[in-house]
Amino acid sequence: MDDILKQLLQEEQELQFKNFNEDTAWKIGGQLVEKCMREGLPVTIDITRGEQQLFHASLRGTSADNDEWVKRKVRLVYRFGHSSFYMGQLLKSKGRKIEEAYLIPENLYAAHGGCFPIIVKDTGMIGTFTVSGLPQEEDHKLVVQAIKDYLTLEK
């Protein structure tokens, strides 16, 4: 279990942006929408900066439930500053539920994969990038791969 936690923290260290603005959100979100449409993935994609939603797309096969999952995952990442998958794996490693460990309600905070902190180098966390609709590990992998692909193209 420690290995996966270390790996997830390493992703947060490596996947950082030089800068991030509305154009960045549109590019990275649009690229992920195209990929998911090609593959027929039923996901909702959401990108925030602070309190502002910069990008949101709900693809075929999603519902309002996915929007609620997004909100709960985003709330968790803003609270703890780590990916929602990391927080879920951390709780699993401790054998505890979020209510027990942090005294916060699960109906407001989702420690399930799919939300990743948007981190700007030398600045810190400025937002979130979230996917909802697949099993949690797959949601997480989609976000991480989208960030990796974008950062590779931006070099």
Protein backbone atom coordinates (compact mmCIF):
# COMPACT_ATOMS: atom_id res chain seq x y z
CA MET A 1 0.00 0.00 0.00
CA ASP A 2 2.85 2.40 0.78
CA ASP A 3 4.13 2.01 -2.78
CA ILE A 4 0.90 3.26 -4.32
CA LEU A 5 0.77 6.21 -1.91
CA LYS A 6 4.37 7.12 -2.83
CA GLN A 7 3.56 6.79 -6.53
CA LEU A 8 0.51 9.05 -6.20
CA LEU A 9 2.50 11.71 -4.33
CA GLN A 10 5.21 11.47 -7.00
CA GLU A 11 2.59 12.22 -9.68
CA GLU A 12 1.67 15.40 -7.83
CA GLN A 13 5.35 16.42 -7.73
CA GLU A 14 5.93 15.71 -11.42
CA LEU A 15 2.69 16.91 -13.00
CA GLN A 16 3.02 20.64 -12.46
CA PHE A 17 2.31 23.46 -14.88
CA LYS A 18 4.53 26.47 -15.66
CA ASN A 19 1.34 28.52 -15.81
CA PHE A 20 -2.36 27.80 -16.05
CA ASN A 21 -5.18 29.97 -17.38
CA GLU A 22 -8.47 29.77 -19.28
CA ASP A 23 -6.69 28.82 -22.52
CA THR A 24 -4.86 25.99 -20.78
CA ALA A 25 -8.15 24.67 -19.36
CA TRP A 26 -9.80 24.82 -22.78
CA LYS A 27 -6.91 23.03 -24.52
CA ILE A 28 -6.48 20.24 -21.98
CA GLY A 29 -10.23 19.81 -21.50
CA GLY A 30 -10.89 19.79 -25.23
CA GLN A 31 -8.17 17.22 -25.87
CA LEU A 32 -9.64 14.95 -23.22
CA VAL A 33 -13.20 15.37 -24.59
CA GLU A 34 -12.00 14.35 -28.06
CA LYS A 35 -10.23 11.28 -26.68
CA CYS A 36 -13.23 10.23 -24.59
CA MET A 37 -15.64 10.75 -27.49
CA ARG A 38 -13.45 8.62 -29.78
CA GLU A 39 -13.34 5.87 -27.16
CA GLY A 40 -17.03 6.19 -26.21
CA LEU A 41 -16.25 6.87 -22.55
CA PRO A 42 -19.26 8.11 -20.52
CA VAL A 43 -17.55 10.79 -18.43
CA THR A 44 -18.03 14.26 -17.07
CA ILE A 45 -14.90 16.44 -17.25
CA ASP A 46 -14.48 19.49 -15.03
CA ILE A 47 -11.65 22.00 -14.58
CA THR A 48 -11.65 24.71 -11.93
CA ARG A 49 -9.35 27.53 -10.87
CA GLY A 50 -10.21 28.69 -7.39
CA GLU A 51 -13.96 29.22 -7.25
CA GLN A 52 -14.28 29.52 -11.04
CA GLN A 53 -15.30 26.64 -13.27
CA LEU A 54 -13.17 27.06 -16.41
CA PHE A 55 -14.27 23.94 -18.30
CA HIS A 56 -17.12 21.47 -18.00
CA ALA A 57 -18.32 18.79 -20.39
CA SER A 58 -20.73 15.92 -19.87
CA LEU A 59 -20.52 13.22 -22.50
CA ARG A 60 -23.14 10.71 -23.61
CA GLY A 61 -23.96 8.23 -20.86
CA THR A 62 -23.48 10.62 -17.94
CA SER A 63 -26.09 12.07 -15.61
CA ALA A 64 -26.53 14.72 -12.93
CA ASP A 65 -25.07 12.16 -10.51
CA ASN A 66 -21.68 12.62 -12.19
CA ASP A 67 -21.88 16.37 -11.49
CA GLU A 68 -22.48 15.60 -7.81
CA TRP A 69 -19.48 13.25 -7.75
CA VAL A 70 -17.38 16.01 -9.33
CA LYS A 71 -18.44 18.49 -6.63
CA ARG A 72 -17.63 16.03 -3.83
CA LYS A 73 -14.24 15.11 -5.29
CA VAL A 74 -13.33 18.77 -5.90
CA ARG A 75 -14.31 19.72 -2.35
CA LEU A 76 -12.01 16.95 -1.02
CA VAL A 77 -9.00 18.01 -3.12
CA TYR A 78 -9.37 21.65 -2.09
CA ARG A 79 -9.60 20.56 1.54
CA PHE A 80 -6.55 18.28 1.56
CA GLY A 81 -4.43 19.45 -1.38
CA HIS A 82 -3.95 15.93 -2.72
CA SER A 83 -5.63 13.90 -5.44
CA SER A 84 -8.91 12.29 -4.48
CA PHE A 85 -7.43 8.89 -5.37
CA TYR A 86 -4.50 9.49 -3.01
CA MET A 87 -6.90 10.40 -0.19
CA GLY A 88 -9.02 7.31 -0.86
CA GLN A 89 -5.96 5.05 -0.86
CA LEU A 90 -4.66 6.72 2.31
CA LEU A 91 -7.96 6.04 4.09
CA LYS A 92 -8.00 2.47 2.78
CA SER A 93 -4.46 1.92 4.12
CA LYS A 94 -5.64 3.06 7.54
CA GLY A 95 -8.84 0.99 7.35
CA ARG A 96 -10.92 4.08 8.09
CA LYS A 97 -13.80 5.96 6.53
CA ILE A 98 -13.59 9.68 5.90
CA GLU A 99 -16.12 10.46 8.65
CA GLU A 100 -14.00 8.65 11.26
CA ALA A 101 -10.64 9.96 10.13
CA TYR A 102 -11.48 13.61 9.48
CA LEU A 103 -14.95 14.18 10.94
CA ILE A 104 -16.34 15.30 7.58
CA PRO A 105 -19.41 13.81 5.87
CA GLU A 106 -19.03 11.44 2.93
CA ASN A 107 -22.08 12.97 1.26
CA LEU A 108 -20.03 16.20 0.86
CA TYR A 109 -16.50 14.79 0.35
CA ALA A 110 -15.67 11.89 -1.99
CA ALA A 111 -12.33 10.14 -1.43
CA HIS A 112 -12.66 8.39 -4.79
CA GLY A 113 -10.27 8.71 -7.72
CA GLY A 114 -10.75 11.21 -10.50
CA CYS A 115 -9.85 14.64 -9.12
CA PHE A 116 -6.27 15.89 -9.37
CA PRO A 117 -4.86 19.16 -8.04
CA ILE A 118 -3.73 21.68 -10.66
CA ILE A 119 -0.35 22.73 -9.35
CA VAL A 120 1.65 25.62 -10.78
CA LYS A 121 5.41 25.42 -10.16
CA ASP A 122 6.62 27.84 -7.49
CA THR A 123 2.99 28.81 -6.76
CA GLY A 124 1.17 25.74 -5.48
CA MET A 125 -2.30 24.37 -6.01
CA ILE A 126 -4.57 26.72 -7.94
CA GLY A 127 -7.39 24.44 -9.04
CA THR A 128 -8.66 20.97 -9.85
CA PHE A 129 -9.05 18.71 -12.87
CA THR A 130 -11.79 16.11 -12.43
CA VAL A 131 -13.27 13.16 -14.31
CA SER A 132 -16.33 11.20 -13.19
CA GLY A 133 -18.03 8.24 -14.83
CA LEU A 134 -15.64 5.30 -14.80
CA PRO A 135 -14.31 3.14 -11.97
CA GLN A 136 -12.28 5.43 -9.70
CA GLU A 137 -8.84 4.19 -10.75
CA GLU A 138 -9.78 4.70 -14.42
CA ASP A 139 -11.06 8.23 -13.69
CA HIS A 140 -7.71 8.98 -12.02
CA LYS A 141 -5.68 7.51 -14.89
CA LEU A 142 -7.61 9.57 -17.46
CA VAL A 143 -6.85 12.83 -15.65
CA VAL A 144 -3.19 11.97 -15.07
CA GLN A 145 -2.66 10.92 -18.69
CA ALA A 146 -4.38 14.08 -19.97
CA ILE A 147 -2.04 16.23 -17.87
CA LYS A 148 1.02 14.22 -18.98
CA ASP A 149 0.01 14.54 -22.65
CA TYR A 150 -0.54 18.28 -22.32
CA LEU A 151 2.73 18.91 -20.47
CA THR A 152 4.66 16.85 -23.05
CA LEU A 153 3.23 18.95 -25.89
CA GLU A 154 3.99 22.20 -24.06
CA LYS A 155 7.72 21.48 -23.64
